[in-house]
Amino acid sequence: MAGGVFSLLLGFAGVFLPLLPTVPFVLLAGYCFARGSRRAEAWLLNHPSLGPMVKDWRANRALPMRVKCLAWTMMALGSLWALWLLPSPWCWLPALACLAVGGWMWKLPTRQER
């Protein structure tokens, strides 16, 4: 349950921070809630904005190209911003984290748009 709440908070922060992608954290929250709390899982699945994302993932195990491109663009912009803003030894850490998430997303199947 704690992992789901933490993931959901990170996903919410990702709406406002370009370094954090929202979709993977919401999907991770759905995974954690499914194993920790049926009530929290039901809330997430019935949420008007987040529920369709989790349901679609569970049905297809694929992301639309639009979602992939938006996530990659936002992570690239956020990484460039961090490179400019953070001190030298730490400036590469956000880019490495975004590269790992981007690689995971690249390997996922691409769902055709409806």
N, C-alpha and C. Protein backbone atom coordinates (compact mmCIF):
# COMPACT_ATOMS: atom_id res chain seq x y z
N MET A 1 0.82 -1.18 0.00
CA MET A 1 0.00 0.00 0.00
C MET A 1 0.88 1.26 0.00
N ALA A 2 1.92 1.24 0.81
CA ALA A 2 2.82 2.41 0.88
C ALA A 2 3.51 2.65 -0.46
N GLY A 3 3.90 1.58 -1.13
CA GLY A 3 4.53 1.72 -2.45
C GLY A 3 3.58 2.33 -3.46
N GLY A 4 2.31 1.95 -3.39
CA GLY A 4 1.31 2.52 -4.29
C GLY A 4 1.09 4.00 -4.05
N VAL A 5 1.01 4.37 -2.78
CA VAL A 5 0.82 5.79 -2.45
C VAL A 5 2.03 6.60 -2.89
N PHE A 6 3.23 6.09 -2.61
CA PHE A 6 4.45 6.78 -3.01
C PHE A 6 4.53 6.92 -4.53
N SER A 7 4.20 5.86 -5.26
CA SER A 7 4.22 5.90 -6.72
C SER A 7 3.20 6.89 -7.26
N LEU A 8 2.03 6.91 -6.66
CA LEU A 8 1.00 7.83 -7.10
C LEU A 8 1.43 9.28 -6.85
N LEU A 9 2.09 9.54 -5.72
CA LEU A 9 2.60 10.88 -5.45
C LEU A 9 3.67 11.28 -6.46
N LEU A 10 4.55 10.35 -6.81
CA LEU A 10 5.55 10.65 -7.83
C LEU A 10 4.90 10.90 -9.19
N GLY A 11 3.87 10.12 -9.50
CA GLY A 11 3.15 10.35 -10.75
C GLY A 11 2.47 11.71 -10.77
N PHE A 12 1.90 12.11 -9.64
CA PHE A 12 1.27 13.42 -9.54
C PHE A 12 2.32 14.52 -9.70
N ALA A 13 3.47 14.34 -9.08
CA ALA A 13 4.55 15.32 -9.23
C ALA A 13 5.01 15.40 -10.69
N GLY A 14 4.94 14.27 -11.39
CA GLY A 14 5.34 14.23 -12.79
C GLY A 14 4.46 15.07 -13.70
N VAL A 15 3.26 15.38 -13.25
CA VAL A 15 2.40 16.26 -14.03
C VAL A 15 3.03 17.66 -14.10
N PHE A 16 3.71 18.05 -13.05
CA PHE A 16 4.25 19.40 -12.96
C PHE A 16 5.76 19.48 -13.21
N LEU A 17 6.47 18.39 -12.97
CA LEU A 17 7.92 18.38 -13.15
C LEU A 17 8.28 17.62 -14.42
N PRO A 18 9.00 18.25 -15.33
CA PRO A 18 9.29 17.58 -16.60
C PRO A 18 10.21 16.38 -16.48
N LEU A 19 10.94 16.23 -15.38
CA LEU A 19 11.84 15.09 -15.24
C LEU A 19 11.11 13.80 -14.90
N LEU A 20 9.96 13.90 -14.27
CA LEU A 20 9.25 12.71 -13.82
C LEU A 20 8.13 12.34 -14.79
N PRO A 21 8.20 11.18 -15.38
CA PRO A 21 7.09 10.75 -16.23
C PRO A 21 5.92 10.26 -15.37
N THR A 22 4.74 10.63 -15.72
CA THR A 22 3.56 10.30 -14.92
C THR A 22 3.12 8.85 -15.13
N VAL A 23 3.07 8.41 -16.37
CA VAL A 23 2.48 7.11 -16.70
C VAL A 23 3.13 5.93 -15.98
N PRO A 24 4.46 5.78 -16.00
CA PRO A 24 5.03 4.62 -15.32
C PRO A 24 4.73 4.58 -13.83
N PHE A 25 4.68 5.74 -13.19
CA PHE A 25 4.40 5.77 -11.75
C PHE A 25 2.94 5.44 -11.45
N VAL A 26 2.03 5.86 -12.31
CA VAL A 26 0.62 5.51 -12.13
C VAL A 26 0.43 4.01 -12.35
N LEU A 27 1.11 3.45 -13.34
CA LEU A 27 1.02 2.01 -13.57
C LEU A 27 1.60 1.23 -12.40
N LEU A 28 2.71 1.72 -11.85
CA LEU A 28 3.31 1.07 -10.68
C LEU A 28 2.37 1.17 -9.47
N ALA A 29 1.70 2.29 -9.32
CA ALA A 29 0.72 2.43 -8.24
C ALA A 29 -0.40 1.41 -8.40
N GLY A 30 -0.87 1.22 -9.62
CA GLY A 30 -1.91 0.21 -9.87
C GLY A 30 -1.43 -1.18 -9.50
N TYR A 31 -0.19 -1.49 -9.82
CA TYR A 31 0.39 -2.79 -9.47
C TYR A 31 0.44 -2.96 -7.95
N CYS A 32 0.93 -1.94 -7.27
CA CYS A 32 1.05 -2.01 -5.80
C CYS A 32 -0.32 -2.08 -5.14
N PHE A 33 -1.25 -1.29 -5.60
CA PHE A 33 -2.59 -1.29 -5.01
C PHE A 33 -3.28 -2.64 -5.23
N ALA A 34 -3.03 -3.28 -6.37
CA ALA A 34 -3.65 -4.58 -6.64
C ALA A 34 -3.18 -5.63 -5.63
N ARG A 35 -1.98 -5.45 -5.11
CA ARG A 35 -1.45 -6.41 -4.15
C ARG A 35 -1.60 -5.96 -2.71
N GLY A 36 -1.95 -4.69 -2.48
CA GLY A 36 -2.00 -4.18 -1.12
C GLY A 36 -3.38 -3.79 -0.61
N SER A 37 -4.26 -3.31 -1.49
CA SER A 37 -5.54 -2.82 -1.03
C SER A 37 -6.56 -2.83 -2.17
N ARG A 38 -7.57 -3.67 -2.04
CA ARG A 38 -8.62 -3.71 -3.06
C ARG A 38 -9.36 -2.38 -3.15
N ARG A 39 -9.52 -1.73 -2.00
CA ARG A 39 -10.23 -0.45 -1.97
C ARG A 39 -9.44 0.62 -2.74
N ALA A 40 -8.12 0.69 -2.51
CA ALA A 40 -7.29 1.66 -3.22
C ALA A 40 -7.23 1.34 -4.71
N GLU A 41 -7.18 0.06 -5.04
CA GLU A 41 -7.17 -0.34 -6.45
C GLU A 41 -8.47 0.07 -7.12
N ALA A 42 -9.59 -0.17 -6.45
CA ALA A 42 -10.89 0.22 -7.01
C ALA A 42 -10.97 1.73 -7.20
N TRP A 43 -10.43 2.48 -6.24
CA TRP A 43 -10.44 3.94 -6.38
C TRP A 43 -9.64 4.36 -7.61
N LEU A 44 -8.45 3.76 -7.78
CA LEU A 44 -7.61 4.11 -8.92
C LEU A 44 -8.27 3.73 -10.24
N LEU A 45 -8.85 2.54 -10.30
CA LEU A 45 -9.48 2.09 -11.54
C LEU A 45 -10.72 2.92 -11.90
N ASN A 46 -11.39 3.46 -10.90
CA ASN A 46 -12.59 4.27 -11.15
C ASN A 46 -12.29 5.76 -11.26
N HIS A 47 -11.04 6.15 -11.09
CA HIS A 47 -10.68 7.56 -11.22
C HIS A 47 -10.86 7.99 -12.68
N PRO A 48 -11.49 9.14 -12.93
CA PRO A 48 -11.79 9.52 -14.32
C PRO A 48 -10.55 9.76 -15.19
N SER A 49 -9.45 10.23 -14.62
CA SER A 49 -8.25 10.49 -15.42
C SER A 49 -7.26 9.35 -15.40
N LEU A 50 -7.09 8.71 -14.26
CA LEU A 50 -6.06 7.69 -14.11
C LEU A 50 -6.56 6.28 -14.43
N GLY A 51 -7.82 6.03 -14.16
CA GLY A 51 -8.39 4.70 -14.35
C GLY A 51 -8.25 4.16 -15.76
N PRO A 52 -8.62 4.93 -16.80
CA PRO A 52 -8.50 4.40 -18.16
C PRO A 52 -7.07 4.02 -18.53
N MET A 53 -6.10 4.77 -18.02
CA MET A 53 -4.69 4.48 -18.29
C MET A 53 -4.31 3.10 -17.73
N VAL A 54 -4.70 2.84 -16.50
CA VAL A 54 -4.36 1.57 -15.86
C VAL A 54 -5.14 0.42 -16.50
N LYS A 55 -6.42 0.63 -16.78
CA LYS A 55 -7.23 -0.41 -17.42
C LYS A 55 -6.68 -0.76 -18.80
N ASP A 56 -6.30 0.27 -19.57
CA ASP A 56 -5.75 0.03 -20.90
C ASP A 56 -4.44 -0.73 -20.82
N TRP A 57 -3.60 -0.40 -19.85
CA TRP A 57 -2.34 -1.11 -19.66
C TRP A 57 -2.59 -2.57 -19.34
N ARG A 58 -3.53 -2.82 -18.45
CA ARG A 58 -3.81 -4.21 -18.06
C ARG A 58 -4.40 -5.00 -19.22
N ALA A 59 -5.16 -4.36 -20.08
CA ALA A 59 -5.77 -5.07 -21.20
C ALA A 59 -4.78 -5.32 -22.34
N ASN A 60 -3.90 -4.36 -22.62
CA ASN A 60 -3.05 -4.44 -23.81
C ASN A 60 -1.56 -4.59 -23.55
N ARG A 61 -1.08 -4.19 -22.36
CA ARG A 61 0.35 -4.19 -22.04
C ARG A 61 1.15 -3.45 -23.11
N ALA A 62 0.59 -2.33 -23.58
CA ALA A 62 1.24 -1.52 -24.59
C ALA A 62 0.88 -0.05 -24.36
N LEU A 63 1.75 0.84 -24.86
CA LEU A 63 1.50 2.27 -24.76
C LEU A 63 1.33 2.85 -26.16
N PRO A 64 0.44 3.81 -26.31
CA PRO A 64 0.33 4.48 -27.61
C PRO A 64 1.59 5.28 -27.93
N MET A 65 1.91 5.41 -29.19
CA MET A 65 3.10 6.16 -29.60
C MET A 65 3.03 7.60 -29.11
N ARG A 66 1.84 8.17 -29.07
CA ARG A 66 1.66 9.54 -28.59
C ARG A 66 2.16 9.68 -27.16
N VAL A 67 1.85 8.70 -26.31
CA VAL A 67 2.27 8.72 -24.91
C VAL A 67 3.79 8.56 -24.82
N LYS A 68 4.33 7.64 -25.61
CA LYS A 68 5.78 7.44 -25.60
C LYS A 68 6.51 8.71 -26.03
N CYS A 69 6.07 9.33 -27.10
CA CYS A 69 6.74 10.53 -27.60
C CYS A 69 6.64 11.69 -26.61
N LEU A 70 5.48 11.85 -26.01
CA LEU A 70 5.32 12.92 -25.03
C LEU A 70 6.24 12.68 -23.82
N ALA A 71 6.29 11.44 -23.34
CA ALA A 71 7.15 11.13 -22.20
C ALA A 71 8.62 11.34 -22.55
N TRP A 72 9.05 10.87 -23.71
CA TRP A 72 10.45 11.05 -24.11
C TRP A 72 10.79 12.53 -24.25
N THR A 73 9.91 13.31 -24.84
CA THR A 73 10.15 14.74 -25.01
C THR A 73 10.27 15.44 -23.67
N MET A 74 9.34 15.17 -22.77
CA MET A 74 9.37 15.82 -21.47
C MET A 74 10.60 15.40 -20.66
N MET A 75 10.98 14.12 -20.75
CA MET A 75 12.17 13.67 -20.03
C MET A 75 13.44 14.29 -20.62
N ALA A 76 13.49 14.45 -21.94
CA ALA A 76 14.66 15.07 -22.56
C ALA A 76 14.76 16.54 -22.15
N LEU A 77 13.64 17.25 -22.19
CA LEU A 77 13.64 18.65 -21.77
C LEU A 77 14.02 18.79 -20.29
N GLY A 78 13.47 17.92 -19.47
CA GLY A 78 13.80 17.96 -18.05
C GLY A 78 15.26 17.63 -17.79
N SER A 79 15.81 16.70 -18.54
CA SER A 79 17.23 16.35 -18.38
C SER A 79 18.13 17.51 -18.79
N LEU A 80 17.76 18.19 -19.88
CA LEU A 80 18.53 19.36 -20.29
C LEU A 80 18.45 20.47 -19.25
N TRP A 81 17.29 20.65 -18.68
CA TRP A 81 17.09 21.65 -17.63
C TRP A 81 17.95 21.31 -16.42
N ALA A 82 17.95 20.04 -16.01
CA ALA A 82 18.76 19.60 -14.87
C ALA A 82 20.25 19.74 -15.17
N LEU A 83 20.64 19.45 -16.40
CA LEU A 83 22.04 19.59 -16.80
C LEU A 83 22.51 21.04 -16.64
N TRP A 84 21.64 21.96 -16.95
CA TRP A 84 21.97 23.38 -16.86
C TRP A 84 21.92 23.88 -15.41
N LEU A 85 21.00 23.31 -14.60
CA LEU A 85 20.71 23.84 -13.28
C LEU A 85 21.53 23.19 -12.15
N LEU A 86 21.77 21.90 -12.22
CA LEU A 86 22.41 21.18 -11.12
C LEU A 86 23.93 21.33 -11.15
N PRO A 87 24.57 21.18 -10.00
CA PRO A 87 26.04 21.24 -9.97
C PRO A 87 26.65 20.04 -10.69
N SER A 88 27.90 20.19 -11.08
CA SER A 88 28.58 19.26 -11.97
C SER A 88 28.49 17.77 -11.62
N PRO A 89 28.80 17.33 -10.44
CA PRO A 89 28.76 15.86 -10.27
C PRO A 89 27.35 15.28 -10.32
N TRP A 90 26.33 16.07 -10.06
CA TRP A 90 24.95 15.55 -10.01
C TRP A 90 24.15 15.82 -11.27
N CYS A 91 24.65 16.61 -12.16
CA CYS A 91 23.85 17.03 -13.31
C CYS A 91 23.50 15.89 -14.27
N TRP A 92 24.25 14.80 -14.24
CA TRP A 92 23.98 13.68 -15.14
C TRP A 92 23.02 12.65 -14.56
N LEU A 93 22.77 12.71 -13.27
CA LEU A 93 21.90 11.72 -12.62
C LEU A 93 20.47 11.72 -13.18
N PRO A 94 19.82 12.88 -13.34
CA PRO A 94 18.47 12.86 -13.92
C PRO A 94 18.45 12.30 -15.34
N ALA A 95 19.45 12.62 -16.13
CA ALA A 95 19.50 12.10 -17.50
C ALA A 95 19.65 10.58 -17.51
N LEU A 96 20.44 10.04 -16.60
CA LEU A 96 20.60 8.58 -16.53
C LEU A 96 19.30 7.90 -16.10
N ALA A 97 18.60 8.50 -15.14
CA ALA A 97 17.32 7.94 -14.71
C ALA A 97 16.30 8.00 -15.85
N CYS A 98 16.26 9.12 -16.55
CA CYS A 98 15.32 9.25 -17.68
C CYS A 98 15.69 8.30 -18.81
N LEU A 99 16.97 8.07 -19.01
CA LEU A 99 17.41 7.12 -20.02
C LEU A 99 16.94 5.71 -19.68
N ALA A 100 17.01 5.35 -18.41
CA ALA A 100 16.54 4.02 -17.99
C ALA A 100 15.04 3.88 -18.22
N VAL A 101 14.27 4.89 -17.84
CA VAL A 101 12.82 4.84 -18.05
C VAL A 101 12.49 4.87 -19.54
N GLY A 102 13.21 5.69 -20.29
CA GLY A 102 13.00 5.75 -21.74
C GLY A 102 13.32 4.43 -22.42
N GLY A 103 14.38 3.76 -21.96
CA GLY A 103 14.70 2.44 -22.52
C GLY A 103 13.63 1.41 -22.23
N TRP A 104 13.09 1.46 -21.01
CA TRP A 104 11.99 0.56 -20.65
C TRP A 104 10.79 0.82 -21.56
N MET A 105 10.48 2.10 -21.76
CA MET A 105 9.33 2.44 -22.61
C MET A 105 9.58 2.04 -24.07
N TRP A 106 10.81 2.16 -24.53
CA TRP A 106 11.15 1.80 -25.91
C TRP A 106 10.87 0.32 -26.17
N LYS A 107 11.16 -0.51 -25.17
CA LYS A 107 10.98 -1.96 -25.33
C LYS A 107 9.51 -2.38 -25.25
N LEU A 108 8.66 -1.53 -24.72
CA LEU A 108 7.24 -1.87 -24.63
C LEU A 108 6.60 -1.90 -26.01
N PRO A 109 5.60 -2.75 -26.21
CA PRO A 109 4.87 -2.73 -27.46
C PRO A 109 4.15 -1.39 -27.65
N THR A 110 4.00 -0.99 -28.88
CA THR A 110 3.29 0.24 -29.21
C THR A 110 1.88 -0.12 -29.63
N ARG A 111 0.90 0.47 -28.94
CA ARG A 111 -0.51 0.22 -29.24
C ARG A 111 -0.96 1.21 -30.32
N GLN A 112 -1.73 0.71 -31.27
CA GLN A 112 -2.29 1.57 -32.31
C GLN A 112 -3.33 2.49 -31.71
N GLU A 113 -3.33 3.74 -32.16
CA GLU A 113 -4.32 4.72 -31.70
C GLU A 113 -5.70 4.33 -32.20
N ARG A 114 -6.69 4.69 -31.39
CA ARG A 114 -8.06 4.35 -31.79
C ARG A 114 -8.70 5.46 -32.57
